[in-house]
Amino acid sequence: MNNTTHKKWDEFPYPAVLAKYTVKAKKHLILDVNRAFLEAFKTLTNFPKKSFLEDLFGPYFDEPGLTNFPFMGHSYFLVNFPLEGKNSLHLFIEEKAWLRFPHWFHTERLASLGKLAGEISHELKNPLGGILLYANMLKEELGPRHKLQEIVDKIIALTTRCKIISKALLDFGKPEQGKKEWVNLNQIILTIYDLIADYSIFKRVNFIFKLDPNLPLFYANPTQMEQVFLNLFSNAAEAMKGEGDLYVETKGRDDRIVIKVTDTGPGIPQEILPYIFDPFFTTKSKGKGTGLGLSICHSIIKRHGGTIKVENLPEKGASFEITLPLATREALREDVF
C-alpha cells in the first residue's frame, strides 16, 4: 500500500483484515489489519505475524458474503469479500453497530458515484455522439423510402436513450434538472415499448396493455419518466428470464394517476423486499447490474411528488405500483416561479 491508501485503510471505521488463502494450510493467512481491528480485538494484538484467521476466530472465512459468529461474549457480523488471486478482505462488525453499517456503506458509495459517473459520461459522450452523427448521415443518404430507414431510426432513437441513461446516472442524487411539461404517460409507455420491442430479452415477453384512454395529462420531465418505464420493463424481463407476460396498467383517479407494472416471474424474495429501492442493491450476478435502476426510479418518482411500491402476488410475479398526484394550481405556480 502507498501512504495515501494505508491512511484510508487505517481510517476505515470498522475492523478489517486483508488475508491470503494458502492451499497448503487451507486457511487464510493474515497480511494486514487496520487500526479499528487492533482496537476491537486488543486481546489479540500480540498474535504472531504469520497467523491464520481460522486459528484466531474459527472456520468462518471460506464463504463469500455475510455470516455471523460469537467472540469473547460479543456477537459479530462478518462480511467476506474475495479479491484478486487468493486474496480476500474481511470486515468485522459488532452486532450493535450493524444497523449503522448500511447507512455508512451507502453514503460512502454515493460519495464516490459523482466521480465515477463523470468519468463514465465523459467516456460515452464522444462515441455516442459519433454514432448519432453517422446514423443521421446514413438516414439522409438512404432517403425516406428505403427499406432500412426504420432500422436506422431505431439506431438513432436507442443511441439517444443511451445518452439519457448516462445522464440519469450523472444526475442521480442531485436536485431535479430539466424542463417539465404536460405529458401523456400512456404515450411515453408506448414509445418506450416501441424502442425496446426488438431487443432479444423482450422477444418472448408478451406485453399486455390496459391503458386508461381518459388518463389526464401529467406535469413531468418526460425524459425522466421514460427512464422509469425503461428500468421497470427491463427489470421485469430479466426477472422472467425473457419469457412471460408483462401487464402495464394506467388508471386516472380524481386527484392522482396510478400505474402498475406486473410480471409473471418468480417474485422477489421476501427478505430483500425492504431493500429493493436502496442504491447499489442488486441480486444480479457480478457485472450484470449496478443496483441503481430501481433506486433511480424511486428518486424520479419522489421528485415528481409520487410514490412507488412493490409487492409479490399470491400466484407468482411481482407488481410495481406508482402513484402520481395530479398537480394543483399552487404546485404549478411554485414550479414556474
C-alpha atoms as a PDB file:
ATOM      1  CA  MET A   1       0.000   0.000   0.000  1.00  0.00           C
ATOM      2  CA  ASN A   2       1.169   3.566  -0.668  1.00  0.00           C
ATOM      3  CA  ASN A   3       0.913   6.187   2.089  1.00  0.00           C
ATOM      4  CA  THR A   4      -2.492   7.524   0.948  1.00  0.00           C
ATOM      5  CA  THR A   5      -4.013   4.059   0.672  1.00  0.00           C
ATOM      6  CA  HIS A   6      -2.599   3.000   4.025  1.00  0.00           C
ATOM      7  CA  LYS A   7      -4.011   6.139   5.657  1.00  0.00           C
ATOM      8  CA  LYS A   8      -7.500   5.364   4.290  1.00  0.00           C
ATOM      9  CA  TRP A   9      -7.073   1.751   5.430  1.00  0.00           C
ATOM     10  CA  ASP A  10      -6.288   2.860   8.970  1.00  0.00           C
ATOM     11  CA  GLU A  11      -9.146   5.404   8.970  1.00  0.00           C
ATOM     12  CA  PHE A  12     -11.696   2.788   7.916  1.00  0.00           C
ATOM     13  CA  PRO A  13     -14.197   2.778  10.807  1.00  0.00           C
ATOM     14  CA  TYR A  14     -14.784  -0.977  11.030  1.00  0.00           C
ATOM     15  CA  PRO A  15     -12.295  -3.737  11.932  1.00  0.00           C
ATOM     16  CA  ALA A  16     -10.840  -5.121   8.700  1.00  0.00           C
ATOM     17  CA  VAL A  17      -8.322  -7.792   7.730  1.00  0.00           C
ATOM     18  CA  LEU A  18      -6.533  -8.357   4.435  1.00  0.00           C
ATOM     19  CA  ALA A  19      -5.727 -12.047   4.082  1.00  0.00           C
ATOM     20  CA  LYS A  20      -4.486 -14.635   1.592  1.00  0.00           C
ATOM     21  CA  TYR A  21      -5.777 -18.177   1.296  1.00  0.00           C
ATOM     22  CA  THR A  22      -2.994 -20.757   1.464  1.00  0.00           C
ATOM     23  CA  VAL A  23      -3.715 -24.038  -0.268  1.00  0.00           C
ATOM     24  CA  LYS A  24      -1.230 -25.983   1.876  1.00  0.00           C
ATOM     25  CA  ALA A  25      -2.748 -24.936   5.208  1.00  0.00           C
ATOM     26  CA  LYS A  26      -6.262 -24.496   3.813  1.00  0.00           C
ATOM     27  CA  LYS A  27      -6.527 -21.351   5.903  1.00  0.00           C
ATOM     28  CA  HIS A  28      -6.444 -17.573   5.470  1.00  0.00           C
ATOM     29  CA  LEU A  29      -3.064 -16.022   6.305  1.00  0.00           C
ATOM     30  CA  ILE A  30      -3.298 -12.510   7.787  1.00  0.00           C
ATOM     31  CA  LEU A  31      -1.444  -9.975   5.617  1.00  0.00           C
ATOM     32  CA  ASP A  32      -2.554  -6.745   7.279  1.00  0.00           C
ATOM     33  CA  VAL A  33      -5.074  -5.382   9.794  1.00  0.00           C
ATOM     34  CA  ASN A  34      -6.340  -1.827  10.294  1.00  0.00           C
ATOM     35  CA  ARG A  35      -6.358   0.305  13.436  1.00  0.00           C
ATOM     36  CA  ALA A  36     -10.028  -0.447  14.172  1.00  0.00           C
ATOM     37  CA  PHE A  37      -9.206  -4.168  14.245  1.00  0.00           C
ATOM     38  CA  LEU A  38      -6.379  -3.640  16.743  1.00  0.00           C
ATOM     39  CA  GLU A  39      -8.688  -1.591  18.969  1.00  0.00           C
ATOM     40  CA  ALA A  40     -11.598  -4.039  18.766  1.00  0.00           C
ATOM     41  CA  PHE A  41      -9.518  -7.164  19.410  1.00  0.00           C
ATOM     42  CA  LYS A  42      -6.993  -5.897  21.932  1.00  0.00           C
ATOM     43  CA  THR A  43      -6.587  -9.368  23.383  1.00  0.00           C
ATOM     44  CA  LEU A  44      -5.171 -10.465  20.031  1.00  0.00           C
ATOM     45  CA  THR A  45      -2.723  -7.619  19.451  1.00  0.00           C
ATOM     46  CA  ASN A  46       0.249  -9.837  20.228  1.00  0.00           C
ATOM     47  CA  PHE A  47      -0.648 -12.544  17.723  1.00  0.00           C
ATOM     48  CA  PRO A  48       2.298 -13.767  15.590  1.00  0.00           C
ATOM     49  CA  LYS A  49       2.790 -12.148  12.182  1.00  0.00           C
ATOM     50  CA  LYS A  50       2.121 -15.390  10.327  1.00  0.00           C
ATOM     51  CA  SER A  51      -1.221 -16.089  11.936  1.00  0.00           C
ATOM     52  CA  PHE A  52      -4.300 -17.598  10.338  1.00  0.00           C
ATOM     53  CA  LEU A  53      -7.780 -16.157  10.800  1.00  0.00           C
ATOM     54  CA  GLU A  54      -9.183 -19.621  11.423  1.00  0.00           C
ATOM     55  CA  ASP A  55      -6.800 -20.147  14.363  1.00  0.00           C
ATOM     56  CA  LEU A  56      -7.945 -16.894  15.977  1.00  0.00           C
ATOM     57  CA  PHE A  57     -11.696 -16.893  15.279  1.00  0.00           C
ATOM     58  CA  GLY A  58     -12.790 -20.238  13.842  1.00  0.00           C
ATOM     59  CA  PRO A  59     -13.910 -21.593  10.425  1.00  0.00           C
ATOM     60  CA  TYR A  60     -15.920 -18.582   9.199  1.00  0.00           C
ATOM     61  CA  PHE A  61     -13.876 -17.209   6.304  1.00  0.00           C
ATOM     62  CA  ASP A  62     -14.374 -19.508   3.307  1.00  0.00           C
ATOM     63  CA  GLU A  63     -17.803 -18.440   2.038  1.00  0.00           C
ATOM     64  CA  PRO A  64     -18.147 -15.029   0.343  1.00  0.00           C
ATOM     65  CA  GLY A  65     -20.859 -12.802   1.754  1.00  0.00           C
ATOM     66  CA  LEU A  66     -22.335 -12.403   5.205  1.00  0.00           C
ATOM     67  CA  THR A  67     -22.152 -14.631   8.238  1.00  0.00           C
ATOM     68  CA  ASN A  68     -22.002 -14.118  11.989  1.00  0.00           C
ATOM     69  CA  PHE A  69     -20.059 -15.619  14.883  1.00  0.00           C
ATOM     70  CA  PRO A  70     -19.551 -15.142  18.641  1.00  0.00           C
ATOM     71  CA  PHE A  71     -16.244 -13.958  20.094  1.00  0.00           C
ATOM     72  CA  MET A  72     -15.494 -13.456  23.778  1.00  0.00           C
ATOM     73  CA  GLY A  73     -19.082 -12.687  24.745  1.00  0.00           C
ATOM     74  CA  HIS A  74     -19.787 -10.454  21.728  1.00  0.00           C
ATOM     75  CA  SER A  75     -21.716 -11.247  18.561  1.00  0.00           C
ATOM     76  CA  TYR A  76     -20.133 -10.166  15.269  1.00  0.00           C
ATOM     77  CA  PHE A  77     -21.304  -9.969  11.696  1.00  0.00           C
ATOM     78  CA  LEU A  78     -18.573 -10.955   9.260  1.00  0.00           C
ATOM     79  CA  VAL A  79     -18.507  -9.854   5.618  1.00  0.00           C
ATOM     80  CA  ASN A  80     -16.094 -11.795   3.378  1.00  0.00           C
ATOM     81  CA  PHE A  81     -15.018 -10.185   0.079  1.00  0.00           C
ATOM     82  CA  PRO A  82     -12.984 -12.248  -2.421  1.00  0.00           C
ATOM     83  CA  LEU A  83     -10.251 -10.195  -4.139  1.00  0.00           C
ATOM     84  CA  GLU A  84      -7.841 -10.912  -6.977  1.00  0.00           C
ATOM     85  CA  GLY A  85      -5.958 -14.178  -6.833  1.00  0.00           C
ATOM     86  CA  LYS A  86      -6.364 -15.821  -3.453  1.00  0.00           C
ATOM     87  CA  ASN A  87      -6.535 -12.559  -1.531  1.00  0.00           C
ATOM     88  CA  SER A  88      -9.614 -11.579   0.457  1.00  0.00           C
ATOM     89  CA  LEU A  89     -10.959  -8.771   2.616  1.00  0.00           C
ATOM     90  CA  HIS A  90     -12.843  -9.454   5.835  1.00  0.00           C
ATOM     91  CA  LEU A  91     -14.924  -6.900   7.771  1.00  0.00           C
ATOM     92  CA  PHE A  92     -15.894  -7.465  11.408  1.00  0.00           C
ATOM     93  CA  ILE A  93     -18.990  -5.537  12.529  1.00  0.00           C
ATOM     94  CA  GLU A  94     -20.231  -5.875  16.069  1.00  0.00           C
ATOM     95  CA  GLU A  95     -23.950  -6.620  16.259  1.00  0.00           C
ATOM     96  CA  LYS A  96     -24.801  -3.329  17.988  1.00  0.00           C
ATOM     97  CA  ALA A  97     -23.084  -1.402  15.150  1.00  0.00           C
ATOM     98  CA  TRP A  98     -24.709  -3.400  12.337  1.00  0.00           C
ATOM     99  CA  LEU A  99     -27.709  -1.081  11.921  1.00  0.00           C
ATOM    100  CA  ARG A 100     -25.377   1.845  11.232  1.00  0.00           C
ATOM    101  CA  PHE A 101     -23.288  -0.042   8.664  1.00  0.00           C
ATOM    102  CA  PRO A 102     -25.699   0.070   5.671  1.00  0.00           C
ATOM    103  CA  HIS A 103     -26.116   3.841   6.089  1.00  0.00           C
ATOM    104  CA  TRP A 104     -22.340   4.355   6.177  1.00  0.00           C
ATOM    105  CA  PHE A 105     -21.828   1.970   3.259  1.00  0.00           C
ATOM    106  CA  HIS A 106     -24.374   3.700   1.016  1.00  0.00           C
ATOM    107  CA  THR A 107     -23.110   7.160   1.959  1.00  0.00           C
ATOM    108  CA  GLU A 108     -19.545   6.242   1.049  1.00  0.00           C
ATOM    109  CA  ARG A 109     -20.571   4.662  -2.239  1.00  0.00           C
ATOM    110  CA  LEU A 110     -22.801   7.607  -3.149  1.00  0.00           C
ATOM    111  CA  ALA A 111     -19.931   9.971  -2.401  1.00  0.00           C
ATOM    112  CA  SER A 112     -17.780   8.203  -4.998  1.00  0.00           C
ATOM    113  CA  LEU A 113     -20.618   7.975  -7.542  1.00  0.00           C
ATOM    114  CA  GLY A 114     -20.215  11.561  -8.740  1.00  0.00           C
ATOM    115  CA  LYS A 115     -16.628  10.977  -9.812  1.00  0.00           C
ATOM    116  CA  LEU A 116     -17.430   7.600 -11.352  1.00  0.00           C
ATOM    117  CA  ALA A 117     -20.446   8.949 -13.231  1.00  0.00           C
ATOM    118  CA  GLY A 118     -18.431  11.884 -14.530  1.00  0.00           C
ATOM    119  CA  GLU A 119     -15.816   9.509 -15.920  1.00  0.00           C
ATOM    120  CA  ILE A 120     -18.466   7.272 -17.485  1.00  0.00           C
ATOM    121  CA  SER A 121     -20.270  10.246 -19.007  1.00  0.00           C
ATOM    122  CA  HIS A 122     -17.017  11.578 -20.459  1.00  0.00           C
ATOM    123  CA  GLU A 123     -16.069   8.198 -21.935  1.00  0.00           C
ATOM    124  CA  LEU A 124     -19.507   7.682 -23.520  1.00  0.00           C
ATOM    125  CA  LYS A 125     -20.145  11.207 -24.779  1.00  0.00           C
ATOM    126  CA  ASN A 126     -17.869  11.148 -27.834  1.00  0.00           C
ATOM    127  CA  PRO A 127     -18.654   7.632 -29.152  1.00  0.00           C
ATOM    128  CA  LEU A 128     -22.395   8.125 -28.683  1.00  0.00           C
ATOM    129  CA  GLY A 129     -22.177  11.480 -30.448  1.00  0.00           C
ATOM    130  CA  GLY A 130     -20.278   9.795 -33.298  1.00  0.00           C
ATOM    131  CA  ILE A 131     -22.895   7.057 -33.636  1.00  0.00           C
ATOM    132  CA  LEU A 132     -25.667   9.667 -33.804  1.00  0.00           C
ATOM    133  CA  LEU A 133     -23.759  11.704 -36.373  1.00  0.00           C
ATOM    134  CA  TYR A 134     -23.097   8.770 -38.720  1.00  0.00           C
ATOM    135  CA  ALA A 135     -26.592   7.340 -38.217  1.00  0.00           C
ATOM    136  CA  ASN A 136     -28.131  10.654 -39.254  1.00  0.00           C
ATOM    137  CA  MET A 137     -25.791  10.858 -42.265  1.00  0.00           C
ATOM    138  CA  LEU A 138     -26.855   7.332 -43.244  1.00  0.00           C
ATOM    139  CA  LYS A 139     -30.511   8.304 -42.808  1.00  0.00           C
ATOM    140  CA  GLU A 140     -30.092  11.199 -45.251  1.00  0.00           C
ATOM    141  CA  GLU A 141     -28.145   9.032 -47.691  1.00  0.00           C
ATOM    142  CA  LEU A 142     -30.770   6.260 -47.764  1.00  0.00           C
ATOM    143  CA  GLY A 143     -33.714   8.553 -48.360  1.00  0.00           C
ATOM    144  CA  PRO A 144     -37.176   8.401 -46.767  1.00  0.00           C
ATOM    145  CA  ARG A 145     -38.432   5.368 -48.728  1.00  0.00           C
ATOM    146  CA  HIS A 146     -35.512   3.000 -48.206  1.00  0.00           C
ATOM    147  CA  LYS A 147     -36.352  -0.333 -46.551  1.00  0.00           C
ATOM    148  CA  LEU A 148     -33.612   0.188 -43.937  1.00  0.00           C
ATOM    149  CA  GLN A 149     -34.932   3.575 -42.867  1.00  0.00           C
ATOM    150  CA  GLU A 150     -36.892   2.107 -39.947  1.00  0.00           C
ATOM    151  CA  ILE A 151     -33.793   0.324 -38.615  1.00  0.00           C
ATOM    152  CA  VAL A 152     -31.703   3.488 -38.830  1.00  0.00           C
ATOM    153  CA  ASP A 153     -34.421   5.392 -36.981  1.00  0.00           C
ATOM    154  CA  LYS A 154     -34.249   2.825 -34.172  1.00  0.00           C
ATOM    155  CA  ILE A 155     -30.446   3.161 -34.020  1.00  0.00           C
ATOM    156  CA  ILE A 156     -30.863   6.915 -33.598  1.00  0.00           C
ATOM    157  CA  ALA A 157     -33.613   6.537 -31.002  1.00  0.00           C
ATOM    158  CA  LEU A 158     -31.750   3.920 -28.950  1.00  0.00           C
ATOM    159  CA  THR A 159     -28.477   5.848 -29.056  1.00  0.00           C
ATOM    160  CA  THR A 160     -30.364   8.879 -27.801  1.00  0.00           C
ATOM    161  CA  ARG A 161     -31.727   6.683 -24.989  1.00  0.00           C
ATOM    162  CA  CYS A 162     -28.155   5.696 -24.085  1.00  0.00           C
ATOM    163  CA  LYS A 163     -27.262   9.360 -23.734  1.00  0.00           C
ATOM    164  CA  ILE A 164     -30.278   9.872 -21.481  1.00  0.00           C
ATOM    165  CA  ILE A 165     -29.338   6.841 -19.366  1.00  0.00           C
ATOM    166  CA  SER A 166     -25.766   8.040 -18.853  1.00  0.00           C
ATOM    167  CA  LYS A 167     -27.073  11.479 -17.912  1.00  0.00           C
ATOM    168  CA  ALA A 168     -29.525   9.911 -15.464  1.00  0.00           C
ATOM    169  CA  LEU A 169     -26.587   8.241 -13.727  1.00  0.00           C
ATOM    170  CA  LEU A 170     -24.761  11.563 -13.664  1.00  0.00           C
ATOM    171  CA  ASP A 171     -27.816  13.312 -12.196  1.00  0.00           C
ATOM    172  CA  PHE A 172     -28.544  10.592  -9.639  1.00  0.00           C
ATOM    173  CA  GLY A 173     -28.948  12.059  -6.179  1.00  0.00           C
ATOM    174  CA  LYS A 174     -28.836  15.644  -7.479  1.00  0.00           C
ATOM    175  CA  PRO A 175     -31.708  18.137  -7.370  1.00  0.00           C
ATOM    176  CA  GLU A 176     -34.124  17.735 -10.234  1.00  0.00           C
ATOM    177  CA  GLN A 177     -32.972  19.243 -13.504  1.00  0.00           C
ATOM    178  CA  GLY A 178     -34.662  19.581 -16.843  1.00  0.00           C
ATOM    179  CA  LYS A 179     -37.820  21.213 -18.067  1.00  0.00           C
ATOM    180  CA  LYS A 180     -41.245  19.935 -17.045  1.00  0.00           C
ATOM    181  CA  GLU A 181     -44.162  19.870 -19.420  1.00  0.00           C
ATOM    182  CA  TRP A 182     -47.614  18.333 -19.758  1.00  0.00           C
ATOM    183  CA  VAL A 183     -47.112  14.740 -20.910  1.00  0.00           C
ATOM    184  CA  ASN A 184     -49.289  11.815 -21.875  1.00  0.00           C
ATOM    185  CA  LEU A 185     -47.938   8.923 -19.780  1.00  0.00           C
ATOM    186  CA  ASN A 186     -49.722   6.377 -21.993  1.00  0.00           C
ATOM    187  CA  GLN A 187     -47.785   7.711 -24.956  1.00  0.00           C
ATOM    188  CA  ILE A 188     -44.483   7.619 -23.065  1.00  0.00           C
ATOM    189  CA  ILE A 189     -45.123   3.982 -22.133  1.00  0.00           C
ATOM    190  CA  LEU A 190     -45.857   3.034 -25.747  1.00  0.00           C
ATOM    191  CA  THR A 191     -42.830   4.978 -27.010  1.00  0.00           C
ATOM    192  CA  ILE A 192     -40.518   3.031 -24.699  1.00  0.00           C
ATOM    193  CA  TYR A 193     -42.171  -0.207 -25.765  1.00  0.00           C
ATOM    194  CA  ASP A 194     -41.512   0.615 -29.433  1.00  0.00           C
ATOM    195  CA  LEU A 195     -37.856   1.283 -28.637  1.00  0.00           C
ATOM    196  CA  ILE A 196     -37.206  -1.957 -26.762  1.00  0.00           C
ATOM    197  CA  ALA A 197     -39.532  -4.433 -28.522  1.00  0.00           C
ATOM    198  CA  ASP A 198     -36.761  -5.686 -30.819  1.00  0.00           C
ATOM    199  CA  TYR A 199     -34.287  -6.362 -28.009  1.00  0.00           C
ATOM    200  CA  SER A 200     -33.554 -10.073 -27.644  1.00  0.00           C
ATOM    201  CA  ILE A 201     -34.625 -10.176 -23.992  1.00  0.00           C
ATOM    202  CA  PHE A 202     -38.100  -8.865 -24.946  1.00  0.00           C
ATOM    203  CA  LYS A 203     -38.665 -11.171 -27.928  1.00  0.00           C
ATOM    204  CA  ARG A 204     -40.708 -13.676 -25.883  1.00  0.00           C
ATOM    205  CA  VAL A 205     -42.195 -11.168 -23.451  1.00  0.00           C
ATOM    206  CA  ASN A 206     -45.889 -10.624 -24.092  1.00  0.00           C
ATOM    207  CA  PHE A 207     -46.829  -7.042 -23.213  1.00  0.00           C
ATOM    208  CA  ILE A 208     -50.464  -6.654 -22.161  1.00  0.00           C
ATOM    209  CA  PHE A 209     -51.534  -3.015 -22.013  1.00  0.00           C
ATOM    210  CA  LYS A 210     -54.553  -1.777 -20.056  1.00  0.00           C
ATOM    211  CA  LEU A 211     -54.163   1.946 -20.592  1.00  0.00           C
ATOM    212  CA  ASP A 212     -56.859   4.332 -19.457  1.00  0.00           C
ATOM    213  CA  PRO A 213     -57.990   6.214 -22.614  1.00  0.00           C
ATOM    214  CA  ASN A 214     -59.105   9.122 -20.428  1.00  0.00           C
ATOM    215  CA  LEU A 215     -55.851   9.367 -18.494  1.00  0.00           C
ATOM    216  CA  PRO A 216     -55.235  13.028 -17.605  1.00  0.00           C
ATOM    217  CA  LEU A 217     -52.032  14.733 -18.695  1.00  0.00           C
ATOM    218  CA  PHE A 218     -49.286  14.814 -16.073  1.00  0.00           C
ATOM    219  CA  TYR A 219     -46.850  17.669 -15.443  1.00  0.00           C
ATOM    220  CA  ALA A 220     -43.445  15.993 -15.588  1.00  0.00           C
ATOM    221  CA  ASN A 221     -39.970  15.786 -17.010  1.00  0.00           C
ATOM    222  CA  PRO A 222     -40.596  13.456 -19.988  1.00  0.00           C
ATOM    223  CA  THR A 223     -37.067  12.002 -20.234  1.00  0.00           C
ATOM    224  CA  GLN A 224     -37.107  11.094 -16.550  1.00  0.00           C
ATOM    225  CA  MET A 225     -40.460   9.360 -16.878  1.00  0.00           C
ATOM    226  CA  GLU A 226     -39.110   7.445 -19.880  1.00  0.00           C
ATOM    227  CA  GLN A 227     -36.233   6.322 -17.666  1.00  0.00           C
ATOM    228  CA  VAL A 228     -38.654   4.963 -15.065  1.00  0.00           C
ATOM    229  CA  PHE A 229     -40.559   2.778 -17.544  1.00  0.00           C
ATOM    230  CA  LEU A 230     -37.389   1.625 -19.287  1.00  0.00           C
ATOM    231  CA  ASN A 231     -35.968   0.429 -15.958  1.00  0.00           C
ATOM    232  CA  LEU A 232     -39.192  -1.263 -14.840  1.00  0.00           C
ATOM    233  CA  PHE A 233     -39.675  -3.078 -18.165  1.00  0.00           C
ATOM    234  CA  SER A 234     -36.032  -4.195 -18.247  1.00  0.00           C
ATOM    235  CA  ASN A 235     -36.125  -5.469 -14.659  1.00  0.00           C
ATOM    236  CA  ALA A 236     -39.333  -7.386 -15.337  1.00  0.00           C
ATOM    237  CA  ALA A 237     -37.931  -9.025 -18.476  1.00  0.00           C
ATOM    238  CA  GLU A 238     -34.781 -10.067 -16.638  1.00  0.00           C
ATOM    239  CA  ALA A 239     -36.814 -11.440 -13.725  1.00  0.00           C
ATOM    240  CA  MET A 240     -38.833 -13.575 -16.172  1.00  0.00           C
ATOM    241  CA  LYS A 241     -35.621 -14.601 -17.976  1.00  0.00           C
ATOM    242  CA  GLY A 242     -37.001 -13.145 -21.186  1.00  0.00           C
ATOM    243  CA  GLU A 243     -40.250 -15.131 -21.290  1.00  0.00           C
ATOM    244  CA  GLY A 244     -43.663 -14.386 -19.760  1.00  0.00           C
ATOM    245  CA  ASP A 245     -46.476 -11.862 -19.564  1.00  0.00           C
ATOM    246  CA  LEU A 246     -45.902  -8.251 -18.627  1.00  0.00           C
ATOM    247  CA  TYR A 247     -49.002  -6.267 -17.673  1.00  0.00           C
ATOM    248  CA  VAL A 248     -48.899  -2.476 -17.867  1.00  0.00           C
ATOM    249  CA  GLU A 249     -51.939  -0.663 -16.494  1.00  0.00           C
ATOM    250  CA  THR A 250     -52.738   3.031 -16.087  1.00  0.00           C
ATOM    251  CA  LYS A 251     -55.710   4.494 -14.304  1.00  0.00           C
ATOM    252  CA  GLY A 252     -56.785   8.076 -13.679  1.00  0.00           C
ATOM    253  CA  ARG A 253     -58.394   8.938 -10.352  1.00  0.00           C
ATOM    254  CA  ASP A 254     -59.831  12.236  -9.106  1.00  0.00           C
ATOM    255  CA  ASP A 255     -56.561  13.507  -7.682  1.00  0.00           C
ATOM    256  CA  ARG A 256     -53.924  11.063  -8.878  1.00  0.00           C
ATOM    257  CA  ILE A 257     -52.671   8.675 -11.550  1.00  0.00           C
ATOM    258  CA  VAL A 258     -51.943   5.043 -10.700  1.00  0.00           C
ATOM    259  CA  ILE A 259     -49.623   2.926 -12.862  1.00  0.00           C
ATOM    260  CA  LYS A 260     -48.981  -0.772 -12.343  1.00  0.00           C
ATOM    261  CA  VAL A 261     -46.253  -2.877 -13.958  1.00  0.00           C
ATOM    262  CA  THR A 262     -46.758  -6.562 -13.166  1.00  0.00           C
ATOM    263  CA  ASP A 263     -44.674  -9.519 -14.321  1.00  0.00           C
ATOM    264  CA  THR A 264     -45.137 -13.283 -14.145  1.00  0.00           C
ATOM    265  CA  GLY A 265     -41.648 -14.040 -12.877  1.00  0.00           C
ATOM    266  CA  PRO A 266     -40.687 -15.788  -9.641  1.00  0.00           C
ATOM    267  CA  GLY A 267     -41.297 -12.715  -7.491  1.00  0.00           C
ATOM    268  CA  ILE A 268     -38.874 -11.009  -5.126  1.00  0.00           C
ATOM    269  CA  PRO A 269     -37.511 -12.895  -2.097  1.00  0.00           C
ATOM    270  CA  GLN A 270     -39.324 -11.608   0.975  1.00  0.00           C
ATOM    271  CA  GLU A 271     -36.128 -10.903   2.879  1.00  0.00           C
ATOM    272  CA  ILE A 272     -34.854  -8.397   0.293  1.00  0.00           C
ATOM    273  CA  LEU A 273     -38.103  -6.511  -0.340  1.00  0.00           C
ATOM    274  CA  PRO A 274     -37.253  -3.762   2.202  1.00  0.00           C
ATOM    275  CA  TYR A 275     -34.001  -3.005   0.350  1.00  0.00           C
ATOM    276  CA  ILE A 276     -35.194  -3.187  -3.262  1.00  0.00           C
ATOM    277  CA  PHE A 277     -35.031   0.601  -3.812  1.00  0.00           C
ATOM    278  CA  ASP A 278     -31.717   1.101  -1.996  1.00  0.00           C
ATOM    279  CA  PRO A 279     -28.831   2.460  -4.095  1.00  0.00           C
ATOM    280  CA  PHE A 280     -26.462  -0.265  -5.341  1.00  0.00           C
ATOM    281  CA  PHE A 281     -28.659  -3.066  -4.041  1.00  0.00           C
ATOM    282  CA  THR A 282     -28.800  -5.833  -6.633  1.00  0.00           C
ATOM    283  CA  THR A 283     -29.416  -9.569  -6.733  1.00  0.00           C
ATOM    284  CA  LYS A 284     -27.825  -9.869 -10.167  1.00  0.00           C
ATOM    285  CA  SER A 285     -24.505 -11.606 -10.637  1.00  0.00           C
ATOM    286  CA  LYS A 286     -21.316  -9.563 -10.798  1.00  0.00           C
ATOM    287  CA  GLY A 287     -21.119  -7.441 -13.949  1.00  0.00           C
ATOM    288  CA  LYS A 288     -24.830  -7.834 -14.719  1.00  0.00           C
ATOM    289  CA  GLY A 289     -26.155  -4.783 -12.922  1.00  0.00           C
ATOM    290  CA  THR A 290     -25.224  -1.727 -10.871  1.00  0.00           C
ATOM    291  CA  GLY A 291     -28.120  -1.810  -8.442  1.00  0.00           C
ATOM    292  CA  LEU A 292     -29.100   1.717  -9.492  1.00  0.00           C
ATOM    293  CA  GLY A 293     -32.097   1.069 -11.769  1.00  0.00           C
ATOM    294  CA  LEU A 294     -34.847   0.845  -9.166  1.00  0.00           C
ATOM    295  CA  SER A 295     -33.181   3.426  -6.963  1.00  0.00           C
ATOM    296  CA  ILE A 296     -33.236   5.886  -9.877  1.00  0.00           C
ATOM    297  CA  CYS A 297     -36.924   5.062 -10.421  1.00  0.00           C
ATOM    298  CA  HIS A 298     -37.634   5.775  -6.759  1.00  0.00           C
ATOM    299  CA  SER A 299     -35.695   9.039  -6.916  1.00  0.00           C
ATOM    300  CA  ILE A 300     -37.510  10.254 -10.052  1.00  0.00           C
ATOM    301  CA  ILE A 301     -40.979   9.374  -8.768  1.00  0.00           C
ATOM    302  CA  LYS A 302     -40.231  11.055  -5.442  1.00  0.00           C
ATOM    303  CA  ARG A 303     -39.105  14.213  -7.277  1.00  0.00           C
ATOM    304  CA  HIS A 304     -42.487  14.286  -9.003  1.00  0.00           C
ATOM    305  CA  GLY A 305     -44.279  14.079  -5.657  1.00  0.00           C
ATOM    306  CA  GLY A 306     -45.272  10.447  -6.082  1.00  0.00           C
ATOM    307  CA  THR A 307     -44.611   7.070  -4.524  1.00  0.00           C
ATOM    308  CA  ILE A 308     -43.524   3.692  -5.844  1.00  0.00           C
ATOM    309  CA  LYS A 309     -44.002   0.405  -4.020  1.00  0.00           C
ATOM    310  CA  VAL A 310     -43.655  -3.276  -4.837  1.00  0.00           C
ATOM    311  CA  GLU A 311     -45.384  -6.438  -3.689  1.00  0.00           C
ATOM    312  CA  ASN A 312     -45.334 -10.114  -4.542  1.00  0.00           C
ATOM    313  CA  LEU A 313     -48.509 -11.594  -5.967  1.00  0.00           C
ATOM    314  CA  PRO A 314     -50.143 -14.671  -4.372  1.00  0.00           C
ATOM    315  CA  GLU A 315     -49.899 -16.672  -7.611  1.00  0.00           C
ATOM    316  CA  LYS A 316     -46.446 -15.569  -8.820  1.00  0.00           C
ATOM    317  CA  GLY A 317     -44.677 -12.482 -10.039  1.00  0.00           C
ATOM    318  CA  ALA A 318     -44.071  -9.003  -8.687  1.00  0.00           C
ATOM    319  CA  SER A 319     -46.131  -5.854  -9.118  1.00  0.00           C
ATOM    320  CA  PHE A 320     -44.761  -2.308  -9.001  1.00  0.00           C
ATOM    321  CA  GLU A 321     -47.322   0.403  -8.321  1.00  0.00           C
ATOM    322  CA  ILE A 322     -46.635   4.080  -8.995  1.00  0.00           C
ATOM    323  CA  THR A 323     -48.930   6.772  -7.631  1.00  0.00           C
ATOM    324  CA  LEU A 324     -48.546  10.291  -9.019  1.00  0.00           C
ATOM    325  CA  PRO A 325     -50.504  13.242  -7.640  1.00  0.00           C
ATOM    326  CA  LEU A 326     -52.194  15.478 -10.177  1.00  0.00           C
ATOM    327  CA  ALA A 327     -50.750  18.974  -9.961  1.00  0.00           C
ATOM    328  CA  THR A 328     -52.676  21.690  -8.160  1.00  0.00           C
ATOM    329  CA  ARG A 329     -52.627  25.315  -9.248  1.00  0.00           C
ATOM    330  CA  GLU A 330     -50.464  26.162  -6.240  1.00  0.00           C
ATOM    331  CA  ALA A 331     -47.914  23.473  -7.084  1.00  0.00           C
ATOM    332  CA  LEU A 332     -47.723  24.615 -10.704  1.00  0.00           C
ATOM    333  CA  ARG A 333     -47.258  28.219  -9.633  1.00  0.00           C
ATOM    334  CA  GLU A 334     -44.369  27.206  -7.342  1.00  0.00           C
ATOM    335  CA  ASP A 335     -42.771  25.185 -10.141  1.00  0.00           C
ATOM    336  CA  VAL A 336     -42.960  28.057 -12.612  1.00  0.00           C
ATOM    337  CA  PHE A 337     -41.919  30.851 -10.262  1.00  0.00           C
END
